[in-house]
Amino acid sequence: MAVGSSFYVLLRPQMILKYTINPSILSIHMIHTSSMGADFIRSLRGKNVTFVGDSISLNQWQSLACMLHTCTPDTKYTLTRTSGLSNFAFLVYNDSLMFMRDGYPIKIETEKIGRVLELNSVRQGQSWKGIDTFVFNTWHWWLHTGRKQLWDFIEEGKEMHKYMDRLVAYDKGLRTSAGWVNMHLGSTTTKLYF
């Protein structure tokens, strides 16, 4: 499976754990997941699950793809990568597990005064259409300061801030993203996990 050599799982048997620790105080036996994983893949039939975020989201996406492929090793799949978007799909189920690399789901625009984090604007909203389940994991990037911080100012509505409490800014950014999904995709059909 071509999700990265460090995540290569094709040669593993269909099990998650098979450890025994001696003395026999603790024994974790094989957890056979074939039927459970196959049931989960079938529940995704025709669905699109998208992980949005950084390397943490990438690891989650790769892990889920590996676990599902391990449960149904004979199922044909495709893996495509195009500019920040990776798509792993089981062809027979017409489903997609996607990963969208984006540490900030809201806009960062370069303006005359510098880079502006726009708390009231979604960056890639059009590419989110048709997604059934979002898994957002972007908190890590909101903590960066100094050279690693990707913005110089934070814009909230018509107000421009040089500094805003990170937790407050993150909350406002998540509310903007969730609001966009509710307005454009429908809260009854699209699931969000943060």
N, C-alpha and C. Protein backbone atom coordinates (compact mmCIF):
# COMPACT_ATOMS: atom_id res chain seq x y z
N MET A 1 0.86 -1.17 0.00
CA MET A 1 0.00 0.00 0.00
C MET A 1 0.90 1.23 0.00
N ALA A 2 0.62 2.20 -0.81
CA ALA A 2 1.52 3.31 -1.04
C ALA A 2 1.19 4.53 -0.20
N VAL A 3 1.09 4.39 1.12
CA VAL A 3 0.84 5.56 1.96
C VAL A 3 2.09 6.03 2.67
N GLY A 4 3.19 5.41 2.41
CA GLY A 4 4.44 5.79 3.04
C GLY A 4 5.10 4.55 3.61
N SER A 5 6.39 4.40 3.38
CA SER A 5 7.07 3.17 3.79
C SER A 5 6.98 2.91 5.29
N SER A 6 6.91 3.95 6.09
CA SER A 6 6.83 3.74 7.54
C SER A 6 5.48 3.20 7.97
N PHE A 7 4.50 3.21 7.06
CA PHE A 7 3.17 2.72 7.39
C PHE A 7 2.81 1.48 6.58
N TYR A 8 3.79 0.79 6.03
CA TYR A 8 3.54 -0.34 5.16
C TYR A 8 2.93 -1.50 5.94
N VAL A 9 1.75 -1.94 5.52
CA VAL A 9 1.03 -2.96 6.30
C VAL A 9 0.65 -4.19 5.50
N LEU A 10 0.95 -4.26 4.23
CA LEU A 10 0.48 -5.37 3.42
C LEU A 10 1.00 -6.73 3.89
N LEU A 11 2.18 -6.77 4.42
CA LEU A 11 2.76 -8.05 4.80
C LEU A 11 2.37 -8.50 6.19
N ARG A 12 1.64 -7.67 6.92
CA ARG A 12 1.20 -8.04 8.26
C ARG A 12 0.00 -8.96 8.17
N PRO A 13 -0.13 -9.91 9.09
CA PRO A 13 -1.36 -10.70 9.12
C PRO A 13 -2.51 -9.81 9.58
N GLN A 14 -3.72 -10.31 9.44
CA GLN A 14 -4.90 -9.51 9.78
C GLN A 14 -5.11 -9.48 11.28
N MET A 15 -4.28 -8.76 11.94
CA MET A 15 -4.41 -8.61 13.39
C MET A 15 -3.82 -7.27 13.77
N ILE A 16 -4.25 -6.76 14.89
CA ILE A 16 -3.70 -5.50 15.36
C ILE A 16 -2.63 -5.76 16.40
N LEU A 17 -2.92 -6.54 17.41
CA LEU A 17 -1.95 -6.81 18.48
C LEU A 17 -1.78 -8.31 18.70
N LYS A 18 -0.56 -8.70 19.01
CA LYS A 18 -0.32 -10.09 19.41
C LYS A 18 0.91 -10.07 20.32
N TYR A 19 0.72 -9.57 21.52
CA TYR A 19 1.80 -9.48 22.48
C TYR A 19 1.51 -10.38 23.67
N THR A 20 2.53 -10.96 24.21
CA THR A 20 2.42 -11.66 25.48
C THR A 20 3.57 -11.19 26.34
N ILE A 21 3.26 -10.77 27.55
CA ILE A 21 4.28 -10.26 28.46
C ILE A 21 4.45 -11.27 29.57
N ASN A 22 5.69 -11.68 29.83
CA ASN A 22 5.97 -12.64 30.90
C ASN A 22 6.63 -11.93 32.06
N PRO A 23 6.33 -12.24 33.29
CA PRO A 23 5.43 -13.32 33.70
C PRO A 23 4.01 -13.00 33.28
N SER A 24 3.17 -13.98 33.34
CA SER A 24 1.83 -13.88 32.75
C SER A 24 0.86 -13.03 33.56
N ILE A 25 1.33 -11.91 34.08
CA ILE A 25 0.46 -10.97 34.78
C ILE A 25 -0.45 -10.29 33.75
N LEU A 26 0.11 -9.98 32.59
CA LEU A 26 -0.64 -9.28 31.56
C LEU A 26 -0.46 -10.02 30.25
N SER A 27 -1.54 -10.26 29.58
CA SER A 27 -1.48 -10.91 28.28
C SER A 27 -2.49 -10.23 27.36
N ILE A 28 -2.00 -9.64 26.31
CA ILE A 28 -2.87 -9.03 25.31
C ILE A 28 -2.84 -9.94 24.10
N HIS A 29 -3.94 -10.54 23.78
CA HIS A 29 -3.99 -11.51 22.69
C HIS A 29 -4.43 -10.86 21.39
N MET A 30 -4.32 -11.61 20.34
CA MET A 30 -4.68 -11.15 19.01
C MET A 30 -6.11 -10.61 18.98
N ILE A 31 -6.25 -9.46 18.40
CA ILE A 31 -7.57 -8.90 18.16
C ILE A 31 -7.83 -9.04 16.67
N HIS A 32 -8.67 -9.96 16.30
CA HIS A 32 -8.95 -10.22 14.89
C HIS A 32 -10.02 -9.23 14.43
N THR A 33 -9.69 -8.43 13.44
CA THR A 33 -10.58 -7.32 13.07
C THR A 33 -11.20 -7.44 11.69
N SER A 34 -11.00 -8.55 11.01
CA SER A 34 -11.48 -8.63 9.63
C SER A 34 -12.95 -8.30 9.48
N SER A 35 -13.81 -8.95 10.25
CA SER A 35 -15.24 -8.72 10.06
C SER A 35 -15.64 -7.32 10.52
N MET A 36 -15.06 -6.86 11.63
CA MET A 36 -15.39 -5.53 12.13
C MET A 36 -14.96 -4.45 11.13
N GLY A 37 -13.74 -4.59 10.60
CA GLY A 37 -13.25 -3.62 9.62
C GLY A 37 -14.03 -3.64 8.33
N ALA A 38 -14.38 -4.85 7.87
CA ALA A 38 -15.17 -4.97 6.64
C ALA A 38 -16.54 -4.33 6.84
N ASP A 39 -17.14 -4.52 8.02
CA ASP A 39 -18.43 -3.89 8.31
C ASP A 39 -18.30 -2.36 8.28
N PHE A 40 -17.19 -1.86 8.83
CA PHE A 40 -16.98 -0.41 8.85
C PHE A 40 -16.83 0.13 7.43
N ILE A 41 -16.05 -0.57 6.59
CA ILE A 41 -15.88 -0.13 5.20
C ILE A 41 -17.23 -0.10 4.49
N ARG A 42 -18.03 -1.13 4.70
CA ARG A 42 -19.36 -1.17 4.07
C ARG A 42 -20.23 -0.01 4.55
N SER A 43 -20.07 0.39 5.81
CA SER A 43 -20.86 1.52 6.32
C SER A 43 -20.45 2.84 5.67
N LEU A 44 -19.25 2.86 5.09
CA LEU A 44 -18.77 4.06 4.39
C LEU A 44 -19.15 4.07 2.91
N ARG A 45 -19.87 3.06 2.46
CA ARG A 45 -20.22 2.95 1.03
C ARG A 45 -20.77 4.29 0.51
N GLY A 46 -20.12 4.81 -0.54
CA GLY A 46 -20.56 6.05 -1.16
C GLY A 46 -20.27 7.30 -0.35
N LYS A 47 -19.50 7.18 0.73
CA LYS A 47 -19.23 8.31 1.63
C LYS A 47 -17.82 8.84 1.41
N ASN A 48 -17.62 10.07 1.87
CA ASN A 48 -16.32 10.71 1.81
C ASN A 48 -15.96 11.19 3.21
N VAL A 49 -14.88 10.63 3.76
CA VAL A 49 -14.36 11.04 5.07
C VAL A 49 -13.07 11.80 4.81
N THR A 50 -12.98 13.02 5.32
CA THR A 50 -11.81 13.87 5.06
C THR A 50 -11.17 14.33 6.36
N PHE A 51 -9.87 14.11 6.45
CA PHE A 51 -9.06 14.61 7.57
C PHE A 51 -8.44 15.91 7.11
N VAL A 52 -8.63 16.98 7.88
CA VAL A 52 -8.08 18.29 7.55
C VAL A 52 -7.13 18.69 8.66
N GLY A 53 -5.88 18.98 8.31
CA GLY A 53 -4.95 19.40 9.34
C GLY A 53 -3.50 19.21 8.92
N ASP A 54 -2.68 18.87 9.91
CA ASP A 54 -1.24 18.79 9.72
C ASP A 54 -0.78 17.33 9.79
N SER A 55 0.45 17.11 10.26
CA SER A 55 1.00 15.76 10.31
C SER A 55 0.23 14.85 11.25
N ILE A 56 -0.41 15.40 12.26
CA ILE A 56 -1.23 14.57 13.16
C ILE A 56 -2.41 14.01 12.38
N SER A 57 -3.06 14.84 11.59
CA SER A 57 -4.17 14.38 10.75
C SER A 57 -3.68 13.39 9.70
N LEU A 58 -2.49 13.64 9.16
CA LEU A 58 -1.90 12.71 8.19
C LEU A 58 -1.74 11.33 8.82
N ASN A 59 -1.21 11.29 10.04
CA ASN A 59 -1.03 10.01 10.73
C ASN A 59 -2.37 9.32 10.98
N GLN A 60 -3.39 10.08 11.36
CA GLN A 60 -4.72 9.50 11.58
C GLN A 60 -5.27 8.93 10.27
N TRP A 61 -5.14 9.67 9.19
CA TRP A 61 -5.63 9.24 7.88
C TRP A 61 -4.91 7.97 7.44
N GLN A 62 -3.57 7.97 7.54
CA GLN A 62 -2.80 6.80 7.13
C GLN A 62 -3.13 5.59 7.98
N SER A 63 -3.29 5.80 9.28
CA SER A 63 -3.61 4.69 10.18
C SER A 63 -4.96 4.08 9.84
N LEU A 64 -5.96 4.91 9.60
CA LEU A 64 -7.28 4.39 9.26
C LEU A 64 -7.24 3.65 7.92
N ALA A 65 -6.55 4.22 6.94
CA ALA A 65 -6.44 3.55 5.64
C ALA A 65 -5.75 2.19 5.78
N CYS A 66 -4.68 2.14 6.56
CA CYS A 66 -3.97 0.87 6.78
C CYS A 66 -4.84 -0.15 7.49
N MET A 67 -5.54 0.27 8.53
CA MET A 67 -6.39 -0.67 9.27
C MET A 67 -7.49 -1.22 8.37
N LEU A 68 -8.12 -0.36 7.59
CA LEU A 68 -9.20 -0.82 6.73
C LEU A 68 -8.68 -1.73 5.63
N HIS A 69 -7.52 -1.38 5.06
CA HIS A 69 -6.95 -2.24 4.02
C HIS A 69 -6.54 -3.59 4.59
N THR A 70 -6.02 -3.60 5.79
CA THR A 70 -5.62 -4.85 6.44
C THR A 70 -6.83 -5.76 6.65
N CYS A 71 -7.98 -5.17 6.92
CA CYS A 71 -9.20 -5.95 7.15
C CYS A 71 -9.77 -6.52 5.86
N THR A 72 -9.49 -5.89 4.73
CA THR A 72 -9.99 -6.36 3.44
C THR A 72 -8.86 -6.30 2.42
N PRO A 73 -7.82 -7.14 2.58
CA PRO A 73 -6.62 -7.01 1.76
C PRO A 73 -6.82 -7.27 0.27
N ASP A 74 -7.87 -7.97 -0.10
CA ASP A 74 -8.09 -8.27 -1.52
C ASP A 74 -8.93 -7.21 -2.23
N THR A 75 -9.39 -6.22 -1.49
CA THR A 75 -10.21 -5.16 -2.08
C THR A 75 -9.32 -4.19 -2.84
N LYS A 76 -9.68 -3.90 -4.09
CA LYS A 76 -8.89 -2.97 -4.90
C LYS A 76 -9.10 -1.55 -4.40
N TYR A 77 -8.03 -0.78 -4.46
CA TYR A 77 -8.07 0.61 -3.99
C TYR A 77 -7.28 1.49 -4.93
N THR A 78 -7.48 2.78 -4.81
CA THR A 78 -6.65 3.76 -5.52
C THR A 78 -6.10 4.73 -4.49
N LEU A 79 -4.94 5.26 -4.78
CA LEU A 79 -4.34 6.31 -3.96
C LEU A 79 -3.87 7.40 -4.91
N THR A 80 -4.43 8.58 -4.77
CA THR A 80 -4.02 9.70 -5.61
C THR A 80 -3.61 10.86 -4.72
N ARG A 81 -2.62 11.60 -5.21
CA ARG A 81 -2.14 12.78 -4.48
C ARG A 81 -2.01 13.93 -5.47
N THR A 82 -2.67 15.03 -5.15
CA THR A 82 -2.55 16.23 -5.97
C THR A 82 -2.54 17.44 -5.06
N SER A 83 -1.48 18.17 -5.09
CA SER A 83 -1.28 19.44 -4.37
C SER A 83 -2.03 19.55 -3.04
N GLY A 84 -1.51 18.90 -2.03
CA GLY A 84 -2.07 19.03 -0.69
C GLY A 84 -3.29 18.19 -0.40
N LEU A 85 -3.74 17.39 -1.38
CA LEU A 85 -4.91 16.54 -1.17
C LEU A 85 -4.54 15.10 -1.54
N SER A 86 -4.73 14.19 -0.60
CA SER A 86 -4.50 12.76 -0.84
C SER A 86 -5.82 12.04 -0.70
N ASN A 87 -6.07 11.10 -1.61
CA ASN A 87 -7.34 10.38 -1.61
C ASN A 87 -7.08 8.88 -1.71
N PHE A 88 -7.52 8.14 -0.70
CA PHE A 88 -7.45 6.68 -0.67
C PHE A 88 -8.87 6.18 -0.81
N ALA A 89 -9.15 5.40 -1.85
CA ALA A 89 -10.53 4.96 -2.11
C ALA A 89 -10.58 3.46 -2.37
N PHE A 90 -11.57 2.81 -1.77
CA PHE A 90 -11.87 1.41 -2.07
C PHE A 90 -12.87 1.43 -3.22
N LEU A 91 -12.47 0.93 -4.38
CA LEU A 91 -13.27 1.07 -5.58
C LEU A 91 -14.64 0.40 -5.47
N VAL A 92 -14.69 -0.80 -4.92
CA VAL A 92 -15.94 -1.55 -4.86
C VAL A 92 -16.98 -0.86 -3.97
N TYR A 93 -16.52 -0.08 -3.00
CA TYR A 93 -17.45 0.60 -2.07
C TYR A 93 -17.72 2.05 -2.46
N ASN A 94 -17.02 2.55 -3.47
CA ASN A 94 -17.20 3.93 -3.92
C ASN A 94 -17.08 4.92 -2.75
N ASP A 95 -16.08 4.69 -1.91
CA ASP A 95 -15.86 5.59 -0.78
C ASP A 95 -14.51 6.26 -0.91
N SER A 96 -14.29 7.28 -0.11
CA SER A 96 -13.01 7.99 -0.13
C SER A 96 -12.59 8.32 1.28
N LEU A 97 -11.33 8.08 1.57
CA LEU A 97 -10.68 8.59 2.78
C LEU A 97 -9.70 9.62 2.27
N MET A 98 -9.95 10.88 2.58
CA MET A 98 -9.11 11.95 2.05
C MET A 98 -8.33 12.63 3.17
N PHE A 99 -7.17 13.16 2.79
CA PHE A 99 -6.38 13.98 3.71
C PHE A 99 -6.08 15.29 3.00
N MET A 100 -6.43 16.39 3.66
CA MET A 100 -6.20 17.73 3.13
C MET A 100 -5.25 18.45 4.09
N ARG A 101 -4.03 18.68 3.63
CA ARG A 101 -3.04 19.35 4.49
C ARG A 101 -3.38 20.83 4.59
N ASP A 102 -3.76 21.24 5.79
CA ASP A 102 -4.12 22.64 6.02
C ASP A 102 -4.15 22.89 7.52
N GLY A 103 -3.12 23.56 8.02
CA GLY A 103 -3.06 23.86 9.45
C GLY A 103 -4.07 24.90 9.90
N TYR A 104 -4.57 25.68 8.96
CA TYR A 104 -5.56 26.71 9.27
C TYR A 104 -6.70 26.60 8.27
N PRO A 105 -7.86 26.10 8.67
CA PRO A 105 -8.97 26.03 7.73
C PRO A 105 -9.58 27.40 7.41
N ILE A 106 -9.12 28.45 8.09
CA ILE A 106 -9.58 29.80 7.77
C ILE A 106 -8.49 30.51 6.99
N LYS A 107 -8.84 31.62 6.36
CA LYS A 107 -7.93 32.30 5.43
C LYS A 107 -6.78 33.02 6.12
N ILE A 108 -5.65 32.99 5.45
CA ILE A 108 -4.52 33.86 5.76
C ILE A 108 -4.19 34.58 4.46
N GLU A 109 -4.37 35.88 4.44
CA GLU A 109 -4.15 36.69 3.24
C GLU A 109 -2.96 37.62 3.46
N THR A 110 -2.18 37.83 2.41
CA THR A 110 -1.10 38.80 2.47
C THR A 110 -1.65 40.15 2.01
N GLU A 111 -1.56 41.12 2.91
CA GLU A 111 -2.05 42.48 2.62
C GLU A 111 -0.89 43.45 2.80
N LYS A 112 -1.12 44.73 2.58
CA LYS A 112 -0.05 45.73 2.70
C LYS A 112 0.59 45.72 4.08
N ILE A 113 -0.21 45.49 5.12
CA ILE A 113 0.32 45.53 6.49
C ILE A 113 1.03 44.23 6.88
N GLY A 114 0.85 43.18 6.10
CA GLY A 114 1.47 41.89 6.40
C GLY A 114 0.48 40.74 6.21
N ARG A 115 0.81 39.62 6.81
CA ARG A 115 -0.05 38.42 6.70
C ARG A 115 -1.18 38.53 7.72
N VAL A 116 -2.40 38.36 7.23
CA VAL A 116 -3.58 38.57 8.08
C VAL A 116 -4.37 37.26 8.19
N LEU A 117 -4.54 36.80 9.42
CA LEU A 117 -5.38 35.63 9.71
C LEU A 117 -6.82 36.14 9.82
N GLU A 118 -7.67 35.73 8.88
CA GLU A 118 -9.04 36.24 8.82
C GLU A 118 -9.98 35.26 9.51
N LEU A 119 -10.36 35.58 10.74
CA LEU A 119 -11.16 34.66 11.55
C LEU A 119 -12.57 34.42 11.02
N ASN A 120 -13.04 35.28 10.13
CA ASN A 120 -14.41 35.15 9.63
C ASN A 120 -14.48 34.60 8.21
N SER A 121 -13.38 34.03 7.69
CA SER A 121 -13.35 33.53 6.32
C SER A 121 -12.77 32.12 6.26
N VAL A 122 -13.42 31.26 5.51
CA VAL A 122 -12.93 29.89 5.30
C VAL A 122 -12.03 29.88 4.08
N ARG A 123 -10.91 29.17 4.18
CA ARG A 123 -9.92 29.15 3.11
C ARG A 123 -10.33 28.26 1.94
N GLN A 124 -10.66 27.01 2.18
CA GLN A 124 -10.86 26.05 1.09
C GLN A 124 -12.29 25.54 1.01
N GLY A 125 -13.24 26.37 1.33
CA GLY A 125 -14.63 25.93 1.40
C GLY A 125 -15.13 25.22 0.16
N GLN A 126 -14.77 25.71 -1.01
CA GLN A 126 -15.28 25.08 -2.24
C GLN A 126 -14.79 23.64 -2.37
N SER A 127 -13.59 23.35 -1.91
CA SER A 127 -13.08 21.97 -2.00
C SER A 127 -13.68 21.06 -0.93
N TRP A 128 -14.44 21.62 -0.01
CA TRP A 128 -15.09 20.81 1.03
C TRP A 128 -16.44 20.28 0.59
N LYS A 129 -16.95 20.74 -0.53
CA LYS A 129 -18.28 20.31 -0.96
C LYS A 129 -18.26 18.82 -1.29
N GLY A 130 -19.32 18.13 -0.89
CA GLY A 130 -19.45 16.70 -1.14
C GLY A 130 -18.84 15.82 -0.07
N ILE A 131 -18.33 16.41 1.00
CA ILE A 131 -17.72 15.63 2.07
C ILE A 131 -18.78 15.30 3.11
N ASP A 132 -18.80 14.03 3.53
CA ASP A 132 -19.79 13.57 4.51
C ASP A 132 -19.30 13.72 5.95
N THR A 133 -18.01 13.50 6.17
CA THR A 133 -17.44 13.57 7.52
C THR A 133 -16.11 14.29 7.49
N PHE A 134 -15.97 15.30 8.35
CA PHE A 134 -14.71 16.03 8.51
C PHE A 134 -14.09 15.66 9.84
N VAL A 135 -12.77 15.47 9.84
CA VAL A 135 -12.02 15.34 11.08
C VAL A 135 -10.97 16.45 11.04
N PHE A 136 -11.19 17.51 11.82
CA PHE A 136 -10.27 18.64 11.87
C PHE A 136 -9.29 18.45 13.02
N ASN A 137 -8.02 18.70 12.77
CA ASN A 137 -7.03 18.68 13.83
C ASN A 137 -6.02 19.77 13.49
N THR A 138 -6.25 20.96 13.98
CA THR A 138 -5.39 22.09 13.60
C THR A 138 -4.83 22.86 14.79
N TRP A 139 -5.13 22.44 16.00
CA TRP A 139 -4.73 23.22 17.17
C TRP A 139 -3.23 23.48 17.24
N HIS A 140 -2.42 22.51 16.89
CA HIS A 140 -0.97 22.60 16.98
C HIS A 140 -0.43 23.89 16.34
N TRP A 141 -0.95 24.26 15.17
CA TRP A 141 -0.43 25.41 14.45
C TRP A 141 -0.80 26.74 15.07
N TRP A 142 -1.83 26.76 15.88
CA TRP A 142 -2.25 28.00 16.51
C TRP A 142 -1.31 28.39 17.65
N LEU A 143 -0.47 27.48 18.09
CA LEU A 143 0.45 27.75 19.20
C LEU A 143 1.76 28.41 18.76
N HIS A 144 2.09 28.34 17.48
CA HIS A 144 3.37 28.86 17.00
C HIS A 144 3.47 30.38 17.20
N THR A 145 4.66 30.79 17.60
CA THR A 145 4.96 32.22 17.74
C THR A 145 6.26 32.51 17.00
N GLY A 146 6.59 33.78 16.90
CA GLY A 146 7.85 34.16 16.26
C GLY A 146 7.87 33.80 14.79
N ARG A 147 9.01 33.27 14.32
CA ARG A 147 9.18 32.95 12.91
C ARG A 147 8.22 31.87 12.42
N LYS A 148 7.80 30.97 13.30
CA LYS A 148 6.91 29.88 12.90
C LYS A 148 5.44 30.30 12.81
N GLN A 149 5.12 31.46 13.36
CA GLN A 149 3.75 31.96 13.28
C GLN A 149 3.49 32.42 11.85
N LEU A 150 2.41 31.96 11.26
CA LEU A 150 2.14 32.24 9.86
C LEU A 150 1.36 33.52 9.60
N TRP A 151 1.09 34.31 10.63
CA TRP A 151 0.36 35.57 10.45
C TRP A 151 1.01 36.67 11.28
N ASP A 152 0.75 37.92 10.86
CA ASP A 152 1.23 39.09 11.60
C ASP A 152 0.10 39.77 12.34
N PHE A 153 -1.12 39.67 11.79
CA PHE A 153 -2.30 40.30 12.38
C PHE A 153 -3.47 39.32 12.33
N ILE A 154 -4.42 39.55 13.22
CA ILE A 154 -5.66 38.76 13.23
C ILE A 154 -6.81 39.71 12.96
N GLU A 155 -7.59 39.38 11.95
CA GLU A 155 -8.75 40.19 11.60
C GLU A 155 -10.02 39.47 12.05
N GLU A 156 -10.84 40.20 12.80
CA GLU A 156 -12.13 39.68 13.25
C GLU A 156 -13.19 40.69 12.85
N GLY A 157 -13.97 40.34 11.83
CA GLY A 157 -14.92 41.31 11.29
C GLY A 157 -14.17 42.49 10.70
N LYS A 158 -14.41 43.68 11.21
CA LYS A 158 -13.73 44.89 10.73
C LYS A 158 -12.55 45.28 11.61
N GLU A 159 -12.34 44.53 12.70
CA GLU A 159 -11.27 44.86 13.65
C GLU A 159 -9.99 44.09 13.34
N MET A 160 -8.85 44.79 13.46
CA MET A 160 -7.55 44.20 13.24
C MET A 160 -6.82 44.15 14.58
N HIS A 161 -6.27 42.99 14.93
CA HIS A 161 -5.56 42.81 16.20
C HIS A 161 -4.13 42.35 15.93
N LYS A 162 -3.20 42.95 16.65
CA LYS A 162 -1.82 42.46 16.58
C LYS A 162 -1.69 41.20 17.45
N TYR A 163 -2.47 41.16 18.52
CA TYR A 163 -2.44 39.99 19.41
C TYR A 163 -3.87 39.64 19.83
N MET A 164 -4.13 38.36 19.93
CA MET A 164 -5.38 37.85 20.48
C MET A 164 -5.05 36.55 21.19
N ASP A 165 -5.67 36.32 22.32
CA ASP A 165 -5.48 35.07 23.04
C ASP A 165 -5.67 33.90 22.06
N ARG A 166 -4.71 32.96 22.03
CA ARG A 166 -4.74 31.86 21.06
C ARG A 166 -5.99 31.00 21.19
N LEU A 167 -6.41 30.74 22.41
CA LEU A 167 -7.59 29.91 22.61
C LEU A 167 -8.84 30.61 22.08
N VAL A 168 -8.93 31.91 22.28
CA VAL A 168 -10.06 32.69 21.77
C VAL A 168 -10.04 32.69 20.24
N ALA A 169 -8.88 32.95 19.65
CA ALA A 169 -8.76 32.96 18.19
C ALA A 169 -9.10 31.59 17.60
N TYR A 170 -8.59 30.54 18.22
CA TYR A 170 -8.86 29.17 17.75
C TYR A 170 -10.35 28.87 17.81
N ASP A 171 -10.99 29.24 18.91
CA ASP A 171 -12.43 29.03 19.06
C ASP A 171 -13.20 29.75 17.96
N LYS A 172 -12.83 30.99 17.69
CA LYS A 172 -13.52 31.76 16.64
C LYS A 172 -13.29 31.14 15.26
N GLY A 173 -12.06 30.68 15.01
CA GLY A 173 -11.77 30.02 13.74
C GLY A 173 -12.55 28.73 13.55
N LEU A 174 -12.65 27.93 14.61
CA LEU A 174 -13.43 26.69 14.52
C LEU A 174 -14.91 26.99 14.30
N ARG A 175 -15.41 28.01 14.98
CA ARG A 175 -16.82 28.38 14.80
C ARG A 175 -17.09 28.84 13.36
N THR A 176 -16.13 29.54 12.78
CA THR A 176 -16.27 29.96 11.38
C THR A 176 -16.32 28.73 10.47
N SER A 177 -15.40 27.78 10.67
CA SER A 177 -15.37 26.57 9.85
C SER A 177 -16.65 25.76 10.00
N ALA A 178 -17.08 25.54 11.25
CA ALA A 178 -18.30 24.78 11.51
C ALA A 178 -19.52 25.50 10.94
N GLY A 179 -19.55 26.82 11.06
CA GLY A 179 -20.65 27.60 10.52
C GLY A 179 -20.74 27.48 9.00
N TRP A 180 -19.57 27.50 8.34
CA TRP A 180 -19.55 27.35 6.89
C TRP A 180 -20.12 25.99 6.50
N VAL A 181 -19.68 24.93 7.19
CA VAL A 181 -20.18 23.59 6.89
C VAL A 181 -21.69 23.52 7.09
N ASN A 182 -22.18 24.05 8.22
CA ASN A 182 -23.62 24.03 8.48
C ASN A 182 -24.41 24.78 7.42
N MET A 183 -23.87 25.92 6.98
CA MET A 183 -24.59 26.75 6.02
C MET A 183 -24.56 26.16 4.61
N HIS A 184 -23.40 25.65 4.20
CA HIS A 184 -23.23 25.23 2.81
C HIS A 184 -23.40 23.73 2.58
N LEU A 185 -23.20 22.92 3.61
CA LEU A 185 -23.27 21.48 3.42
C LEU A 185 -24.42 20.84 4.17
N GLY A 186 -24.90 21.49 5.19
CA GLY A 186 -26.03 20.96 5.96
C GLY A 186 -25.59 20.19 7.19
N SER A 187 -26.06 20.62 8.33
CA SER A 187 -25.66 20.00 9.60
C SER A 187 -26.29 18.62 9.78
N THR A 188 -27.33 18.30 9.04
CA THR A 188 -27.95 16.98 9.21
C THR A 188 -27.27 15.92 8.36
N THR A 189 -26.51 16.34 7.34
CA THR A 189 -25.87 15.36 6.46
C THR A 189 -24.36 15.29 6.65
N THR A 190 -23.75 16.30 7.21
CA THR A 190 -22.30 16.35 7.36
C THR A 190 -21.92 16.29 8.83
N LYS A 191 -20.97 15.39 9.15
CA LYS A 191 -20.50 15.26 10.54
C LYS A 191 -19.16 15.96 10.67
N LEU A 192 -18.97 16.63 11.81
CA LEU A 192 -17.72 17.33 12.11
C LEU A 192 -17.12 16.80 13.39
N TYR A 193 -15.81 16.54 13.37
CA TYR A 193 -15.08 16.15 14.58
C TYR A 193 -13.88 17.06 14.70
N PHE A 194 -13.70 17.65 15.88
CA PHE A 194 -12.55 18.54 16.12
C PHE A 194 -11.68 17.92 17.18
